[in-house]
Amino acid sequence: MSRYSEYLEEIEKRKGQGLHPKPVDSAELLKVLIDQIKDGNNEHRAESLDFFIYNVLPGTTNAARGKADYLKYIILGLETVKEISPEFAFEQLSHMKGGPSIDVLLDLALGSDESIAKKAAEVMKTQVFLYEADMERIKVAHENGSDLATDLLKSYAEAEFFTKLPELEEEVKIVTFVAGIGDISTDLLSPGGDAHSRSDRELHGQCMFEHNKEQQKALLALQAQHPDKRVMLLAEKGTMGVGSSRMSGVNNVALWIGKKASKYVPFINIAPVIAGTNGISPIFLTTVGVTGGIGLDLKNWIKTYDADGKLIVDEDGDAILKQLYSVDTGTVLTINTKEKKLYNGDKELMDISSAYTPQKMEFMKAGGSYAIVFGKKLQTFAANTLGVPVLKVFAPSQEISHKGQGLTAVEKIFNKNAVGTSGATLHAGSYVRVEVNIVGSQDTTGLMTSQELEMMAAKVISPIVDGGYQSGCHTASVWDDKSKENIPRLMKFMNDFGLITARHPDHKYKPMTDVIHKVLNDLTVDDWAIIIGGDSHTRMSKGVAFGADSGTVALALATGEASMPIPESVKVTFKGEMKPHMDFRDVVHATQSQMLKKFGGENVFQSRIIEVHIGTLLADQAFTFTDWTAEMKAKASICISEPETLIQSLEIAKSRIQIMIDKEMDNEPQVLQGLIDLANKRIKEIETGEKPPLTPDDNAKYHAEFEVDLDIIDEPMIADPDVHNEDVSKRYTHDTIRELSFYEGKKHIDLGFVGSCMVHKGDIKIVSKMLKNLEELNGEVVFKAPLVLTAPTYNIIDELKEEGDWEMLQKYSGFEFDDNKPKPIARLEYDNILYLERPGCNLCMGNQEKAENGDTVMATSTRLFQGRVVKDTDRKKGESLLASTPVVVLSAILGRTPTIEEYKAAVKGITLTQFAPPINKMTSKPGHLLTF
């Protein structure tokens, strides 16, 4: 069967799914299309021409190279296609966004045909996705006396690619569509179970609203009813875009309610309008900016106070809210972009300046943030080449500096890594370009990241980046046909691009499915580092890490930079003593609970940095806290560590990186060895006092300061999804933290899950020791519910085997993973046994395996969103309660929540993850030489 016949067969199959033809990205298929276009009598000529013009992916795809070259031949008169004039060929090149199209345009602009060169140069003036090699060609031509190259540089220096774009419309008419009440997880917009289809944008779009066809039809009906307005998708009484899968979620929203990016590029939409009563998750909002969209914090519900100014609360102590204005589905509103205000008719509802900052307005004008990032770089290059000042075309980066005010930890990191600033000491609120040290891509978003890299015509990882890693953990549970098709292709692309990859394209080393966060936590060997990762739980316990959408990850890989405001911080310290029967996970949950209580239900962590003065806890264990900060809705977290602790953590990181090297995972530039060298350098700096560990200044200013009281934590703490709360907005929020005794030992548990990024080696040892304890108490251990155990990394399993713990786990397991025979099908039913699963995300991710529908799950994971770990049934809601390892293990053995007495007996003599607050104050004097 010919390649084109296969394509036609695929088209027919997609028709049955209600889909259009898949975009062309293959050079082989593109060549067939061109051959059929050339043949005037070919029966497929008309459709081949249509595919060539409207259905080829741009950027650095193999098909884009073939298309650009053929358009070049048409412009030069070497090929004649009556439907594609040279002018039309130039127009198509202008929509191809870099890579081969830039090569072709520069060939023409710097060529000998003056008429063609001028036309090519005019198109080049509209392009921004140029890389160093492209700029060097223009520079050399300019230096060799090319007037066109000089004219092109002048255009770039004046940023005509931006200034000549149409201005934003003064009024934007919108109509509201309520996507849900309460927090809206990105799982609603891009379910984890559909991760395999994310790179096929039209197919993935069908999963919007978790495949709820009625809700999809309602959205389409609203659009038909209001053809002159833009639909605003919103979370009523909640936050929009919590969870992960950010880029695919925004892509789906844009596909349904956005605008087409180009008439020649299929299924890539931009500029959606989204909103939330309680704002928008920080990463989701950043991703909206990638598309040039609008994100509104509606604030249409406010807390109520009595005559004495006291907060009015309900019987549960939660604030009673009052609605300021309605945003029910079908409400017509107007955004005035000049006044930066939201109106309902003539009535002003609120100021929306935060959604229309100068920077965000530039993103909207340019069609996305990437164009601005590349545009600024291009303008600076041109000005420097011509020896002229850089014109102030773009909104200046906001610089906020308070004389005499010290720096928080994140302010220090940003000041150290900032580029292109005035040199002033910057404080929170400043908008900064920063160099990125470590970048991580995970496997269910990695295909989109590779697409983004192709679209922005990037070919190799930026030399600024110390290390990049592509994981295989999100698809570790089941090696099914979808994984076999997608993952090897992804690994080859990323390996060629310069990342360390979990799988080698030529099977040079055994595939590694270690959890990405754990790997990145080891690869981070500097407490002053900035880390960007394609997952909301990219929250390292060294440096400051930001979970990001796949596009921001691509930008960081390609440019070594990221742009963002310096966030405010909340300082978290500890007092008291941790009781021996408590686990550090209980401290983590208690932090959230005590914070909400202190601040009257207001989450002061939301969209801010949590600067946790953890001091004595090693990076592995401290990650339990930083990981959970995603569920606290914080933007990121920074651990302030004592010197000895940080050195020990770095030594552990070195040993694990060395294991990766021993497995032959290092690449030609020896990235992994380079990280070990950086770790050694950092250790020496700490030991000699040349550069002590990162600490904030004594007089740093925080949004809030909060002290966790360890003395009052007397029982295990459980995060409950509260699935039956009458107020729908309070379900699945991670904010309902209850003590174990609340359940009175009576809550039925259908399944326990210990894994995966929230646990460390100590947790797995706890499982082994508990089994031994209970065996000694009862003679044997009988599971009344299944217990699924997923270690985060292979290293941990190897160490457990050496130390004898794995043997005890094997004794009670009814299933143990075998990498030589990975599961081809997801498990749908569970027996009451212990399952020893392959390292990876497993149930926490929910994209491959889940608990049985309607189960009540007790888990160590981070996910309690509806449908993530367990789906509902008509009879019963699925629920995922989150707790420490010992609580989960005991719940599975008993088939119910344990009483506090049962719990204490089971952990007797076991050293849980203990923590003692640092004795010394962990700050430095302001103005110190080492402030940043």
Foldseek 3Di string as FASTA:
>chain_A
DAPVVVQVVVQVVVVVVVDHRFADQDLRVLVVLVVLCQPPPRPCNVVSVVSLQARHQAFQGNSNLVSLVVLLCQLVVVDDGPVQHNVNSLVSLLPRQDANSLVSLLCQLLDDPPVSNVSSLVSVLLHQLDDPVSLVSLLVCVVVPDPSSLVSLVSLLVLCNQVVFDADDQKAKEFEDELEEAEDELCLQQNLQNLLCLLRLVVRLCCHRNNPVVSLVVLVVLCVVCVPHFYEYEHENYEYHAFAQQLSSVLSQQLSGFADPDSRYPSGGAAHHYEYCQFYQVQNLQNNQQQLYFYFNQVQKDFDADPVRHTDADPVLATDIDGNDDNYGGQMWMQRLVQQFIGRVPHTRDHGVVRNPQLSSSSNRSRHNVSVVSSVVSNVSSCVSVVHDRDCPGDDFAFDADPPFWAFLLLLLCLVFFPDDPNGRGHFPTKTKGFAAEEEEEQSQLSVLLSLLSSSNFQAFDPSYLAYEYADFSVQQACAPSCVVRVLVSQVRVVRRPHLYQADNVRLFARWHFARLVLVLLLPQALSGEYEYCGCLNAFQGHKYFHHHSNQSSVCRRPSIDIGTRFFEEEEFEDDFADQLEFVLQLLLLVLQVVCVVVSNDLPQAAGEYEYAFAQAARLQCSLNQSLSSLSNHRYYYYQYALVRSLVNNVVSLVVLVVCVVSVSADDVRSSVSSNVVNVVVNVCCVVVVFHTRFIAPRHDGPYYYYRYNVPSDAWKKQWQPPPPPNNNSGFRSNDIDGLCVQVQPAFAAEEEEYDSSDALLLLLLLLLLQVLVCVVPVHFFFPHEYEYAYNGPVSVVVCVVVVSVVSLVVFAPEAADSVDRHHAEDQADDLTYYYGYHHCPLLAQNGYAYHAQGEYEYQHNGFDANRRHHHDPVHGYTYMHTGSLQRSVCRRVSTGHHRVVSCSSCPPPRHNGGDTDPDDRHHHGPDPNSD
